[in-house]
Amino acid sequence: AAGAFSTAVAGPVMGWINTTYGAANVLPVWAVLPLAIALIFGIVHRVDRARGYRIERVDA
């Protein structure tokens, strides 16, 4: 399901990038996404380590 959803989102976004910036710029613009995601998760990781992240247990 996640793959189908990501394909449904990626197709129109890549089409918009193609019409807005041209076919030669689709890959360079699209390649920024993994870098942004890695940066966000890196920041979350550093914040968790700095605050002494511990697993919370939820008792039912």
PDB file of N, CA and C in Angstrom:
ATOM      1  N   ALA A   1       0.826  -1.200   0.000  1.00  0.00           N
ATOM      2  CA  ALA A   1       0.000   0.000   0.000  1.00  0.00           C
ATOM      3  C   ALA A   1       0.868   1.261   0.000  1.00  0.00           C
ATOM      4  N   ALA A   2       1.969   1.223   0.733  1.00  0.00           N
ATOM      5  CA  ALA A   2       2.828   2.410   0.797  1.00  0.00           C
ATOM      6  C   ALA A   2       3.466   2.688  -0.554  1.00  0.00           C
ATOM      7  N   GLY A   3       3.832   1.646  -1.268  1.00  0.00           N
ATOM      8  CA  GLY A   3       4.422   1.829  -2.593  1.00  0.00           C
ATOM      9  C   GLY A   3       3.434   2.420  -3.579  1.00  0.00           C
ATOM     10  N   ALA A   4       2.183   1.963  -3.519  1.00  0.00           N
ATOM     11  CA  ALA A   4       1.155   2.503  -4.407  1.00  0.00           C
ATOM     12  C   ALA A   4       0.881   3.963  -4.086  1.00  0.00           C
ATOM     13  N   PHE A   5       0.848   4.297  -2.808  1.00  0.00           N
ATOM     14  CA  PHE A   5       0.607   5.688  -2.409  1.00  0.00           C
ATOM     15  C   PHE A   5       1.752   6.587  -2.852  1.00  0.00           C
ATOM     16  N   SER A   6       2.986   6.132  -2.650  1.00  0.00           N
ATOM     17  CA  SER A   6       4.127   6.962  -3.040  1.00  0.00           C
ATOM     18  C   SER A   6       4.180   7.146  -4.552  1.00  0.00           C
ATOM     19  N   THR A   7       3.799   6.120  -5.310  1.00  0.00           N
ATOM     20  CA  THR A   7       3.747   6.247  -6.764  1.00  0.00           C
ATOM     21  C   THR A   7       2.650   7.211  -7.185  1.00  0.00           C
ATOM     22  N   ALA A   8       1.511   7.160  -6.506  1.00  0.00           N
ATOM     23  CA  ALA A   8       0.406   8.067  -6.825  1.00  0.00           C
ATOM     24  C   ALA A   8       0.767   9.514  -6.542  1.00  0.00           C
ATOM     25  N   VAL A   9       1.609   9.745  -5.559  1.00  0.00           N
ATOM     26  CA  VAL A   9       2.038  11.113  -5.235  1.00  0.00           C
ATOM     27  C   VAL A   9       3.192  11.535  -6.135  1.00  0.00           C
ATOM     28  N   ALA A  10       4.137  10.638  -6.371  1.00  0.00           N
ATOM     29  CA  ALA A  10       5.347  10.992  -7.115  1.00  0.00           C
ATOM     30  C   ALA A  10       5.062  11.323  -8.570  1.00  0.00           C
ATOM     31  N   GLY A  11       4.135  10.615  -9.199  1.00  0.00           N
ATOM     32  CA  GLY A  11       3.839  10.850 -10.611  1.00  0.00           C
ATOM     33  C   GLY A  11       3.412  12.277 -10.903  1.00  0.00           C
ATOM     34  N   PRO A  12       2.364  12.763 -10.247  1.00  0.00           N
ATOM     35  CA  PRO A  12       1.945  14.143 -10.500  1.00  0.00           C
ATOM     36  C   PRO A  12       2.985  15.184 -10.096  1.00  0.00           C
ATOM     37  N   VAL A  13       3.707  14.934  -9.022  1.00  0.00           N
ATOM     38  CA  VAL A  13       4.730  15.898  -8.590  1.00  0.00           C
ATOM     39  C   VAL A  13       5.847  15.971  -9.625  1.00  0.00           C
ATOM     40  N   MET A  14       6.288  14.821 -10.120  1.00  0.00           N
ATOM     41  CA  MET A  14       7.332  14.826 -11.145  1.00  0.00           C
ATOM     42  C   MET A  14       6.829  15.462 -12.433  1.00  0.00           C
ATOM     43  N   GLY A  15       5.550  15.259 -12.763  1.00  0.00           N
ATOM     44  CA  GLY A  15       4.971  15.920 -13.929  1.00  0.00           C
ATOM     45  C   GLY A  15       4.957  17.426 -13.771  1.00  0.00           C
ATOM     46  N   TRP A  16       4.617  17.892 -12.567  1.00  0.00           N
ATOM     47  CA  TRP A  16       4.618  19.336 -12.307  1.00  0.00           C
ATOM     48  C   TRP A  16       6.032  19.904 -12.419  1.00  0.00           C
ATOM     49  N   ILE A  17       7.009  19.192 -11.877  1.00  0.00           N
ATOM     50  CA  ILE A  17       8.402  19.645 -11.981  1.00  0.00           C
ATOM     51  C   ILE A  17       8.816  19.698 -13.452  1.00  0.00           C
ATOM     52  N   ASN A  18       8.390  18.709 -14.234  1.00  0.00           N
ATOM     53  CA  ASN A  18       8.727  18.664 -15.651  1.00  0.00           C
ATOM     54  C   ASN A  18       8.147  19.865 -16.394  1.00  0.00           C
ATOM     55  N   THR A  19       6.882  20.193 -16.144  1.00  0.00           N
ATOM     56  CA  THR A  19       6.274  21.323 -16.852  1.00  0.00           C
ATOM     57  C   THR A  19       6.785  22.654 -16.335  1.00  0.00           C
ATOM     58  N   THR A  20       7.158  22.726 -15.065  1.00  0.00           N
ATOM     59  CA  THR A  20       7.609  23.992 -14.489  1.00  0.00           C
ATOM     60  C   THR A  20       9.069  24.277 -14.807  1.00  0.00           C
ATOM     61  N   TYR A  21       9.943  23.291 -14.622  1.00  0.00           N
ATOM     62  CA  TYR A  21      11.379  23.514 -14.748  1.00  0.00           C
ATOM     63  C   TYR A  21      12.005  22.878 -15.984  1.00  0.00           C
ATOM     64  N   GLY A  22      11.286  22.010 -16.673  1.00  0.00           N
ATOM     65  CA  GLY A  22      11.817  21.347 -17.859  1.00  0.00           C
ATOM     66  C   GLY A  22      12.320  19.951 -17.542  1.00  0.00           C
ATOM     67  N   ALA A  23      12.373  19.126 -18.591  1.00  0.00           N
ATOM     68  CA  ALA A  23      12.731  17.713 -18.423  1.00  0.00           C
ATOM     69  C   ALA A  23      14.149  17.524 -17.903  1.00  0.00           C
ATOM     70  N   ALA A  24      15.047  18.409 -18.257  1.00  0.00           N
ATOM     71  CA  ALA A  24      16.442  18.258 -17.830  1.00  0.00           C
ATOM     72  C   ALA A  24      16.626  18.493 -16.337  1.00  0.00           C
ATOM     73  N   ASN A  25      15.666  19.129 -15.696  1.00  0.00           N
ATOM     74  CA  ASN A  25      15.807  19.468 -14.281  1.00  0.00           C
ATOM     75  C   ASN A  25      14.977  18.595 -13.348  1.00  0.00           C
ATOM     76  N   VAL A  26      14.272  17.600 -13.882  1.00  0.00           N
ATOM     77  CA  VAL A  26      13.431  16.755 -13.021  1.00  0.00           C
ATOM     78  C   VAL A  26      14.284  15.992 -12.015  1.00  0.00           C
ATOM     79  N   LEU A  27      15.308  15.300 -12.468  1.00  0.00           N
ATOM     80  CA  LEU A  27      16.124  14.485 -11.563  1.00  0.00           C
ATOM     81  C   LEU A  27      16.875  15.321 -10.532  1.00  0.00           C
ATOM     82  N   PRO A  28      17.528  16.420 -10.917  1.00  0.00           N
ATOM     83  CA  PRO A  28      18.215  17.209  -9.883  1.00  0.00           C
ATOM     84  C   PRO A  28      17.272  17.765  -8.818  1.00  0.00           C
ATOM     85  N   VAL A  29      16.084  18.192  -9.228  1.00  0.00           N
ATOM     86  CA  VAL A  29      15.124  18.715  -8.248  1.00  0.00           C
ATOM     87  C   VAL A  29      14.608  17.582  -7.376  1.00  0.00           C
ATOM     88  N   TRP A  30      14.292  16.436  -7.995  1.00  0.00           N
ATOM     89  CA  TRP A  30      13.739  15.297  -7.262  1.00  0.00           C
ATOM     90  C   TRP A  30      14.780  14.684  -6.327  1.00  0.00           C
ATOM     91  N   ALA A  31      16.060  14.807  -6.647  1.00  0.00           N
ATOM     92  CA  ALA A  31      17.127  14.225  -5.832  1.00  0.00           C
ATOM     93  C   ALA A  31      17.316  14.957  -4.509  1.00  0.00           C
ATOM     94  N   VAL A  32      16.754  16.144  -4.375  1.00  0.00           N
ATOM     95  CA  VAL A  32      16.860  16.902  -3.126  1.00  0.00           C
ATOM     96  C   VAL A  32      16.013  16.258  -2.028  1.00  0.00           C
ATOM     97  N   LEU A  33      14.940  15.570  -2.397  1.00  0.00           N
ATOM     98  CA  LEU A  33      14.036  14.973  -1.412  1.00  0.00           C
ATOM     99  C   LEU A  33      14.739  14.012  -0.450  1.00  0.00           C
ATOM    100  N   PRO A  34      15.526  13.032  -0.907  1.00  0.00           N
ATOM    101  CA  PRO A  34      16.217  12.163   0.058  1.00  0.00           C
ATOM    102  C   PRO A  34      17.188  12.917   0.959  1.00  0.00           C
ATOM    103  N   LEU A  35      17.813  13.950   0.426  1.00  0.00           N
ATOM    104  CA  LEU A  35      18.718  14.751   1.256  1.00  0.00           C
ATOM    105  C   LEU A  35      17.948  15.466   2.361  1.00  0.00           C
ATOM    106  N   ALA A  36      16.790  16.006   2.019  1.00  0.00           N
ATOM    107  CA  ALA A  36      15.975  16.695   3.018  1.00  0.00           C
ATOM    108  C   ALA A  36      15.489  15.719   4.088  1.00  0.00           C
ATOM    109  N   ILE A  37      15.063  14.538   3.667  1.00  0.00           N
ATOM    110  CA  ILE A  37      14.587  13.535   4.627  1.00  0.00           C
ATOM    111  C   ILE A  37      15.726  13.083   5.536  1.00  0.00           C
ATOM    112  N   ALA A  38      16.901  12.856   4.973  1.00  0.00           N
ATOM    113  CA  ALA A  38      18.055  12.459   5.786  1.00  0.00           C
ATOM    114  C   ALA A  38      18.421  13.548   6.783  1.00  0.00           C
ATOM    115  N   LEU A  39      18.349  14.796   6.371  1.00  0.00           N
ATOM    116  CA  LEU A  39      18.642  15.911   7.270  1.00  0.00           C
ATOM    117  C   LEU A  39      17.636  15.971   8.418  1.00  0.00           C
ATOM    118  N   ILE A  40      16.357  15.823   8.110  1.00  0.00           N
ATOM    119  CA  ILE A  40      15.320  15.868   9.147  1.00  0.00           C
ATOM    120  C   ILE A  40      15.513  14.737  10.153  1.00  0.00           C
ATOM    121  N   PHE A  41      15.723  13.507   9.667  1.00  0.00           N
ATOM    122  CA  PHE A  41      15.906  12.383  10.582  1.00  0.00           C
ATOM    123  C   PHE A  41      17.212  12.497  11.363  1.00  0.00           C
ATOM    124  N   GLY A  42      18.242  13.078  10.761  1.00  0.00           N
ATOM    125  CA  GLY A  42      19.489  13.315  11.482  1.00  0.00           C
ATOM    126  C   GLY A  42      19.301  14.288  12.631  1.00  0.00           C
ATOM    127  N   ILE A  43      18.526  15.337  12.392  1.00  0.00           N
ATOM    128  CA  ILE A  43      18.242  16.309  13.456  1.00  0.00           C
ATOM    129  C   ILE A  43      17.440  15.657  14.572  1.00  0.00           C
ATOM    130  N   VAL A  44      16.431  14.867  14.213  1.00  0.00           N
ATOM    131  CA  VAL A  44      15.629  14.172  15.230  1.00  0.00           C
ATOM    132  C   VAL A  44      16.511  13.227  16.037  1.00  0.00           C
ATOM    133  N   HIS A  45      17.415  12.522  15.386  1.00  0.00           N
ATOM    134  CA  HIS A  45      18.318  11.594  16.074  1.00  0.00           C
ATOM    135  C   HIS A  45      19.203  12.340  17.075  1.00  0.00           C
ATOM    136  N   ARG A  46      19.773  13.460  16.644  1.00  0.00           N
ATOM    137  CA  ARG A  46      20.646  14.232  17.545  1.00  0.00           C
ATOM    138  C   ARG A  46      19.876  14.798  18.735  1.00  0.00           C
ATOM    139  N   VAL A  47      18.671  15.273  18.494  1.00  0.00           N
ATOM    140  CA  VAL A  47      17.858  15.814  19.589  1.00  0.00           C
ATOM    141  C   VAL A  47      17.511  14.705  20.578  1.00  0.00           C
ATOM    142  N   ASP A  48      17.138  13.525  20.070  1.00  0.00           N
ATOM    143  CA  ASP A  48      16.823  12.404  20.958  1.00  0.00           C
ATOM    144  C   ASP A  48      18.034  11.992  21.788  1.00  0.00           C
ATOM    145  N   ARG A  49      19.208  11.942  21.183  1.00  0.00           N
ATOM    146  CA  ARG A  49      20.414  11.568  21.927  1.00  0.00           C
ATOM    147  C   ARG A  49      20.785  12.630  22.958  1.00  0.00           C
ATOM    148  N   ALA A  50      20.608  13.890  22.622  1.00  0.00           N
ATOM    149  CA  ALA A  50      20.967  14.969  23.542  1.00  0.00           C
ATOM    150  C   ALA A  50      20.050  14.990  24.760  1.00  0.00           C
ATOM    151  N   ARG A  51      18.807  14.617  24.575  1.00  0.00           N
ATOM    152  CA  ARG A  51      17.842  14.637  25.680  1.00  0.00           C
ATOM    153  C   ARG A  51      17.803  13.332  26.454  1.00  0.00           C
ATOM    154  N   GLY A  52      18.602  12.366  26.072  1.00  0.00           N
ATOM    155  CA  GLY A  52      18.599  11.090  26.779  1.00  0.00           C
ATOM    156  C   GLY A  52      17.336  10.302  26.504  1.00  0.00           C
ATOM    157  N   TYR A  53      17.045  10.077  25.255  1.00  0.00           N
ATOM    158  CA  TYR A  53      15.829   9.378  24.850  1.00  0.00           C
ATOM    159  C   TYR A  53      15.751   8.000  25.496  1.00  0.00           C
ATOM    160  N   ARG A  54      14.587   7.699  26.044  1.00  0.00           N
ATOM    161  CA  ARG A  54      14.317   6.380  26.606  1.00  0.00           C
ATOM    162  C   ARG A  54      12.971   5.883  26.101  1.00  0.00           C
ATOM    163  N   ILE A  55      12.840   4.589  25.928  1.00  0.00           N
ATOM    164  CA  ILE A  55      11.584   4.002  25.481  1.00  0.00           C
ATOM    165  C   ILE A  55      10.559   4.124  26.595  1.00  0.00           C
ATOM    166  N   GLU A  56       9.368   4.585  26.247  1.00  0.00           N
ATOM    167  CA  GLU A  56       8.286   4.683  27.226  1.00  0.00           C
ATOM    168  C   GLU A  56       7.442   3.425  27.140  1.00  0.00           C
ATOM    169  N   ARG A  57       7.113   2.880  28.279  1.00  0.00           N
ATOM    170  CA  ARG A  57       6.275   1.690  28.314  1.00  0.00           C
ATOM    171  C   ARG A  57       4.851   2.096  28.660  1.00  0.00           C
ATOM    172  N   VAL A  58       3.919   1.592  27.874  1.00  0.00           N
ATOM    173  CA  VAL A  58       2.506   1.884  28.090  1.00  0.00           C
ATOM    174  C   VAL A  58       1.857   0.615  28.617  1.00  0.00           C
ATOM    175  N   ASP A  59       1.350   0.665  29.841  1.00  0.00           N
ATOM    176  CA  ASP A  59       0.681  -0.492  30.431  1.00  0.00           C
ATOM    177  C   ASP A  59      -0.812  -0.394  30.163  1.00  0.00           C
ATOM    178  N   ALA A  60      -1.378  -1.517  29.718  1.00  0.00           N
ATOM    179  CA  ALA A  60      -2.813  -1.514  29.397  1.00  0.00           C
ATOM    180  C   ALA A  60      -3.632  -1.998  30.568  1.00  0.00           C
TER     181      ALA A  60
END
